[in-house]
Amino acid sequence: MKKVKKTKPKKKAVKKTVKAKKRPAPKKKVVVKVKESKPIGTVTHYFGGIKVAIIKFKKPVKVGVNIRISGATTDFTQKIASMQFNHEQISIAKKGKSVGIKVSKRVREGDAIREEK
């Protein structure tokens, strides 16, 4: 007689499940959106030697108004100290008029002019 080998039943591989650790919910960041005013003009030309920008305004602007000049590499605020049109001092720049304004820093053509409060 032949001996029959008894085989032991194979153990099945048991997958262990790891419980996910509960992480605290990330804190929500509060983002305050500052509403930027609409552009009131654009820089059309800049004279580097005398630091004067030629600005075309989309609405009337008076001397003494604080403006923000912003562009790709420019972003500063300043008060309009003087404006000139055809080498004459003016106190109000009318809509659509291009006037010369002395600026404190370099500006580029196409920079936006916004009114600051």
N, C-alpha and C. Protein backbone atom coordinates (compact mmCIF):
# COMPACT_ATOMS: atom_id res chain seq x y z
N MET A 1 0.79 -1.17 0.00
CA MET A 1 0.00 0.00 0.00
C MET A 1 0.86 1.25 0.00
N LYS A 2 0.36 2.17 -0.72
CA LYS A 2 1.08 3.44 -0.81
C LYS A 2 0.64 4.34 0.31
N LYS A 3 1.64 5.00 0.82
CA LYS A 3 1.30 5.94 1.88
C LYS A 3 0.89 7.27 1.24
N VAL A 4 -0.17 7.76 1.70
CA VAL A 4 -0.66 9.06 1.23
C VAL A 4 -0.21 10.10 2.24
N LYS A 5 0.46 11.08 1.72
CA LYS A 5 0.93 12.13 2.59
C LYS A 5 -0.20 13.06 2.89
N LYS A 6 -0.34 13.31 4.14
CA LYS A 6 -1.37 14.28 4.51
C LYS A 6 -0.74 15.67 4.43
N THR A 7 -1.42 16.53 3.70
CA THR A 7 -0.92 17.90 3.60
C THR A 7 -1.71 18.79 4.54
N LYS A 8 -0.97 19.66 5.13
CA LYS A 8 -1.63 20.60 6.03
C LYS A 8 -2.27 21.70 5.18
N PRO A 9 -3.39 22.16 5.61
CA PRO A 9 -4.02 23.25 4.85
C PRO A 9 -3.15 24.50 4.93
N LYS A 10 -3.02 25.20 3.78
CA LYS A 10 -2.20 26.40 3.73
C LYS A 10 -2.90 27.54 4.45
N LYS A 11 -2.08 28.33 5.14
CA LYS A 11 -2.65 29.48 5.82
C LYS A 11 -2.83 30.60 4.81
N LYS A 12 -3.95 31.25 4.91
CA LYS A 12 -4.21 32.37 4.02
C LYS A 12 -3.51 33.61 4.57
N ALA A 13 -3.02 34.43 3.63
CA ALA A 13 -2.36 35.68 4.04
C ALA A 13 -3.44 36.65 4.49
N VAL A 14 -3.27 37.16 5.65
CA VAL A 14 -4.25 38.09 6.21
C VAL A 14 -3.69 39.50 6.05
N LYS A 15 -4.49 40.35 5.42
CA LYS A 15 -4.07 41.74 5.26
C LYS A 15 -4.45 42.49 6.52
N LYS A 16 -3.48 43.17 7.05
CA LYS A 16 -3.76 43.95 8.24
C LYS A 16 -4.20 45.34 7.80
N THR A 17 -5.22 45.83 8.35
CA THR A 17 -5.69 47.17 8.03
C THR A 17 -5.22 48.11 9.13
N VAL A 18 -4.63 49.17 8.69
CA VAL A 18 -4.13 50.17 9.62
C VAL A 18 -5.15 51.29 9.67
N LYS A 19 -5.56 51.62 10.85
CA LYS A 19 -6.52 52.70 10.99
C LYS A 19 -5.82 54.02 10.73
N ALA A 20 -6.49 54.83 9.94
CA ALA A 20 -5.92 56.13 9.63
C ALA A 20 -6.02 57.02 10.86
N LYS A 21 -4.93 57.70 11.13
CA LYS A 21 -4.95 58.61 12.27
C LYS A 21 -5.77 59.82 11.91
N LYS A 22 -6.55 60.24 12.85
CA LYS A 22 -7.37 61.42 12.60
C LYS A 22 -6.50 62.65 12.77
N ARG A 23 -6.47 63.42 11.73
CA ARG A 23 -5.70 64.65 11.75
C ARG A 23 -6.66 65.80 12.02
N PRO A 24 -6.21 66.79 12.74
CA PRO A 24 -7.09 67.93 12.96
C PRO A 24 -7.34 68.65 11.63
N ALA A 25 -8.52 69.18 11.49
CA ALA A 25 -8.87 69.86 10.25
C ALA A 25 -7.95 71.07 10.08
N PRO A 26 -7.48 71.29 8.86
CA PRO A 26 -6.60 72.45 8.65
C PRO A 26 -7.37 73.74 8.90
N LYS A 27 -6.66 74.68 9.50
CA LYS A 27 -7.30 75.96 9.80
C LYS A 27 -7.51 76.72 8.51
N LYS A 28 -8.68 77.30 8.38
CA LYS A 28 -8.99 78.07 7.19
C LYS A 28 -8.34 79.43 7.29
N LYS A 29 -7.70 79.83 6.21
CA LYS A 29 -7.07 81.13 6.18
C LYS A 29 -8.11 82.15 5.73
N VAL A 30 -8.15 83.23 6.44
CA VAL A 30 -9.08 84.29 6.09
C VAL A 30 -8.35 85.24 5.16
N VAL A 31 -8.85 85.36 3.95
CA VAL A 31 -8.24 86.23 2.97
C VAL A 31 -9.12 87.46 2.82
N VAL A 32 -8.52 88.59 3.12
CA VAL A 32 -9.24 89.85 3.00
C VAL A 32 -8.90 90.43 1.64
N LYS A 33 -9.90 90.56 0.81
CA LYS A 33 -9.67 91.11 -0.51
C LYS A 33 -9.81 92.63 -0.44
N VAL A 34 -8.76 93.30 -0.89
CA VAL A 34 -8.79 94.74 -0.93
C VAL A 34 -9.29 95.13 -2.31
N LYS A 35 -10.36 95.86 -2.30
CA LYS A 35 -10.95 96.26 -3.57
C LYS A 35 -10.13 97.39 -4.16
N GLU A 36 -9.49 97.11 -5.28
CA GLU A 36 -8.69 98.13 -5.93
C GLU A 36 -9.61 99.03 -6.74
N SER A 37 -9.26 100.31 -6.72
CA SER A 37 -10.05 101.24 -7.50
C SER A 37 -9.73 101.04 -8.98
N LYS A 38 -10.61 101.51 -9.81
CA LYS A 38 -10.41 101.38 -11.25
C LYS A 38 -9.33 102.35 -11.70
N PRO A 39 -8.62 102.00 -12.76
CA PRO A 39 -7.58 102.92 -13.25
C PRO A 39 -8.20 104.23 -13.72
N ILE A 40 -7.54 105.34 -13.37
CA ILE A 40 -8.02 106.65 -13.81
C ILE A 40 -7.16 107.22 -14.92
N GLY A 41 -6.09 106.47 -15.26
CA GLY A 41 -5.22 106.92 -16.33
C GLY A 41 -4.11 105.92 -16.60
N THR A 42 -3.33 106.20 -17.64
CA THR A 42 -2.19 105.35 -17.98
C THR A 42 -0.99 106.22 -18.35
N VAL A 43 0.20 105.67 -18.13
CA VAL A 43 1.43 106.36 -18.50
C VAL A 43 1.65 106.15 -19.99
N THR A 44 1.81 107.25 -20.73
CA THR A 44 2.04 107.14 -22.17
C THR A 44 3.50 107.36 -22.53
N HIS A 45 4.24 108.09 -21.67
CA HIS A 45 5.66 108.33 -21.93
C HIS A 45 6.35 108.69 -20.62
N TYR A 46 7.67 108.45 -20.57
CA TYR A 46 8.45 108.80 -19.38
C TYR A 46 9.76 109.43 -19.81
N PHE A 47 10.09 110.58 -19.22
CA PHE A 47 11.35 111.26 -19.46
C PHE A 47 12.25 111.00 -18.26
N GLY A 48 13.27 110.14 -18.45
CA GLY A 48 14.12 109.71 -17.35
C GLY A 48 15.02 110.79 -16.79
N GLY A 49 15.50 111.67 -17.63
CA GLY A 49 16.43 112.70 -17.17
C GLY A 49 15.80 113.66 -16.18
N ILE A 50 14.55 114.02 -16.42
CA ILE A 50 13.86 114.98 -15.55
C ILE A 50 12.80 114.32 -14.67
N LYS A 51 12.66 112.99 -14.77
CA LYS A 51 11.70 112.20 -13.99
C LYS A 51 10.27 112.75 -14.11
N VAL A 52 9.83 112.88 -15.34
CA VAL A 52 8.47 113.34 -15.62
C VAL A 52 7.74 112.27 -16.42
N ALA A 53 6.52 111.98 -15.99
CA ALA A 53 5.68 111.00 -16.69
C ALA A 53 4.57 111.74 -17.42
N ILE A 54 4.32 111.35 -18.64
CA ILE A 54 3.17 111.88 -19.38
C ILE A 54 2.04 110.89 -19.16
N ILE A 55 0.95 111.39 -18.58
CA ILE A 55 -0.17 110.53 -18.20
C ILE A 55 -1.44 111.01 -18.88
N LYS A 56 -2.15 110.05 -19.48
CA LYS A 56 -3.45 110.36 -20.10
C LYS A 56 -4.52 109.91 -19.12
N PHE A 57 -5.33 110.87 -18.67
CA PHE A 57 -6.36 110.58 -17.67
C PHE A 57 -7.69 110.24 -18.32
N LYS A 58 -8.43 109.34 -17.64
CA LYS A 58 -9.76 108.92 -18.10
C LYS A 58 -10.86 109.69 -17.40
N LYS A 59 -10.50 110.46 -16.36
CA LYS A 59 -11.47 111.29 -15.65
C LYS A 59 -10.73 112.50 -15.10
N PRO A 60 -11.43 113.55 -14.74
CA PRO A 60 -10.76 114.75 -14.23
C PRO A 60 -10.02 114.48 -12.92
N VAL A 61 -8.81 115.04 -12.81
CA VAL A 61 -7.97 114.86 -11.63
C VAL A 61 -7.39 116.21 -11.23
N LYS A 62 -7.40 116.50 -9.91
CA LYS A 62 -6.88 117.77 -9.39
C LYS A 62 -5.48 117.58 -8.82
N VAL A 63 -4.77 118.69 -8.69
CA VAL A 63 -3.46 118.68 -8.02
C VAL A 63 -3.71 118.42 -6.53
N GLY A 64 -2.85 117.62 -5.91
CA GLY A 64 -3.00 117.31 -4.49
C GLY A 64 -3.62 115.96 -4.22
N VAL A 65 -4.06 115.27 -5.27
CA VAL A 65 -4.68 113.95 -5.12
C VAL A 65 -3.58 112.91 -4.97
N ASN A 66 -3.79 111.93 -4.10
CA ASN A 66 -2.85 110.82 -3.96
C ASN A 66 -3.15 109.80 -5.05
N ILE A 67 -2.11 109.38 -5.77
CA ILE A 67 -2.28 108.39 -6.83
C ILE A 67 -1.35 107.21 -6.57
N ARG A 68 -1.74 106.06 -7.10
CA ARG A 68 -0.91 104.85 -7.04
C ARG A 68 -0.55 104.50 -8.48
N ILE A 69 0.74 104.37 -8.73
CA ILE A 69 1.23 104.00 -10.06
C ILE A 69 1.67 102.54 -9.96
N SER A 70 1.04 101.67 -10.74
CA SER A 70 1.36 100.25 -10.66
C SER A 70 1.49 99.66 -12.06
N GLY A 71 2.43 98.73 -12.16
CA GLY A 71 2.67 98.06 -13.43
C GLY A 71 3.43 96.77 -13.18
N ALA A 72 4.09 96.27 -14.20
CA ALA A 72 4.81 95.00 -14.09
C ALA A 72 5.94 95.09 -13.07
N THR A 73 6.70 96.17 -13.07
CA THR A 73 7.82 96.33 -12.14
C THR A 73 7.68 97.58 -11.28
N THR A 74 6.56 98.26 -11.36
CA THR A 74 6.36 99.52 -10.66
C THR A 74 5.18 99.39 -9.71
N ASP A 75 5.33 99.93 -8.51
CA ASP A 75 4.20 99.98 -7.58
C ASP A 75 4.54 100.92 -6.44
N PHE A 76 4.05 102.17 -6.53
CA PHE A 76 4.28 103.13 -5.46
C PHE A 76 3.16 104.17 -5.47
N THR A 77 3.06 104.89 -4.37
CA THR A 77 2.06 105.95 -4.27
C THR A 77 2.77 107.28 -4.10
N GLN A 78 2.10 108.32 -4.56
CA GLN A 78 2.63 109.66 -4.38
C GLN A 78 1.51 110.67 -4.55
N LYS A 79 1.77 111.87 -4.07
CA LYS A 79 0.81 112.97 -4.18
C LYS A 79 1.17 113.78 -5.42
N ILE A 80 0.17 114.18 -6.17
CA ILE A 80 0.43 115.00 -7.35
C ILE A 80 0.77 116.41 -6.86
N ALA A 81 2.03 116.80 -7.03
CA ALA A 81 2.47 118.12 -6.57
C ALA A 81 2.22 119.18 -7.64
N SER A 82 2.44 118.81 -8.91
CA SER A 82 2.23 119.78 -9.98
C SER A 82 1.92 119.03 -11.27
N MET A 83 1.17 119.71 -12.12
CA MET A 83 0.85 119.17 -13.44
C MET A 83 1.11 120.25 -14.47
N GLN A 84 1.57 119.83 -15.64
CA GLN A 84 1.80 120.79 -16.72
C GLN A 84 1.18 120.29 -18.02
N PHE A 85 0.68 121.25 -18.78
CA PHE A 85 0.16 120.98 -20.11
C PHE A 85 0.70 122.08 -21.02
N ASN A 86 1.43 121.72 -22.05
CA ASN A 86 2.10 122.69 -22.94
C ASN A 86 2.98 123.66 -22.16
N HIS A 87 3.77 123.15 -21.22
CA HIS A 87 4.72 123.92 -20.40
C HIS A 87 4.03 124.97 -19.52
N GLU A 88 2.76 124.81 -19.23
CA GLU A 88 2.05 125.73 -18.34
C GLU A 88 1.44 124.94 -17.20
N GLN A 89 1.53 125.49 -15.99
CA GLN A 89 0.96 124.84 -14.82
C GLN A 89 -0.57 124.80 -14.94
N ILE A 90 -1.15 123.65 -14.58
CA ILE A 90 -2.61 123.53 -14.54
C ILE A 90 -2.99 122.92 -13.19
N SER A 91 -4.22 123.20 -12.74
CA SER A 91 -4.66 122.66 -11.44
C SER A 91 -5.59 121.46 -11.62
N ILE A 92 -6.24 121.36 -12.78
CA ILE A 92 -7.15 120.23 -13.04
C ILE A 92 -6.83 119.66 -14.42
N ALA A 93 -6.66 118.35 -14.47
CA ALA A 93 -6.46 117.67 -15.75
C ALA A 93 -7.82 117.13 -16.18
N LYS A 94 -8.29 117.56 -17.33
CA LYS A 94 -9.60 117.12 -17.82
C LYS A 94 -9.51 115.71 -18.39
N LYS A 95 -10.68 115.10 -18.57
CA LYS A 95 -10.77 113.75 -19.12
C LYS A 95 -10.19 113.72 -20.52
N GLY A 96 -9.33 112.71 -20.79
CA GLY A 96 -8.75 112.55 -22.12
C GLY A 96 -7.52 113.40 -22.38
N LYS A 97 -7.12 114.21 -21.40
CA LYS A 97 -5.98 115.10 -21.58
C LYS A 97 -4.70 114.40 -21.13
N SER A 98 -3.61 114.61 -21.87
CA SER A 98 -2.30 114.09 -21.49
C SER A 98 -1.53 115.20 -20.82
N VAL A 99 -1.11 114.97 -19.59
CA VAL A 99 -0.39 115.99 -18.83
C VAL A 99 0.92 115.42 -18.32
N GLY A 100 1.85 116.32 -18.01
CA GLY A 100 3.14 115.92 -17.45
C GLY A 100 3.09 116.04 -15.93
N ILE A 101 3.55 115.00 -15.24
CA ILE A 101 3.58 114.99 -13.78
C ILE A 101 4.97 114.57 -13.33
N LYS A 102 5.53 115.31 -12.37
CA LYS A 102 6.82 114.96 -11.79
C LYS A 102 6.60 113.75 -10.89
N VAL A 103 7.37 112.66 -11.11
CA VAL A 103 7.22 111.44 -10.32
C VAL A 103 8.49 111.19 -9.51
N SER A 104 8.33 110.46 -8.41
CA SER A 104 9.46 110.22 -7.51
C SER A 104 10.31 109.03 -7.95
N LYS A 105 9.71 108.07 -8.66
CA LYS A 105 10.44 106.88 -9.11
C LYS A 105 10.22 106.67 -10.59
N ARG A 106 10.98 105.75 -11.16
CA ARG A 106 10.86 105.45 -12.59
C ARG A 106 9.54 104.75 -12.87
N VAL A 107 8.89 105.13 -13.96
CA VAL A 107 7.66 104.47 -14.40
C VAL A 107 7.85 103.99 -15.83
N ARG A 108 6.98 103.10 -16.26
CA ARG A 108 7.06 102.57 -17.62
C ARG A 108 5.78 102.88 -18.37
N GLU A 109 5.90 102.91 -19.69
CA GLU A 109 4.72 103.12 -20.52
C GLU A 109 3.73 101.99 -20.28
N GLY A 110 2.48 102.34 -20.12
CA GLY A 110 1.44 101.34 -19.90
C GLY A 110 1.11 101.12 -18.44
N ASP A 111 1.89 101.70 -17.51
CA ASP A 111 1.57 101.57 -16.08
C ASP A 111 0.23 102.22 -15.80
N ALA A 112 -0.53 101.59 -14.90
CA ALA A 112 -1.86 102.09 -14.56
C ALA A 112 -1.78 103.11 -13.42
N ILE A 113 -2.62 104.12 -13.50
CA ILE A 113 -2.72 105.15 -12.46
C ILE A 113 -4.06 104.95 -11.77
N ARG A 114 -4.02 104.79 -10.43
CA ARG A 114 -5.23 104.63 -9.65
C ARG A 114 -5.28 105.70 -8.58
N GLU A 115 -6.50 106.08 -8.20
CA GLU A 115 -6.66 107.09 -7.16
C GLU A 115 -6.63 106.42 -5.79
N GLU A 116 -5.78 106.91 -4.89
CA GLU A 116 -5.67 106.39 -3.54
C GLU A 116 -6.49 107.26 -2.60
N LYS A 117 -6.97 106.63 -1.54
CA LYS A 117 -7.75 107.41 -0.56
C LYS A 117 -7.01 107.55 0.72
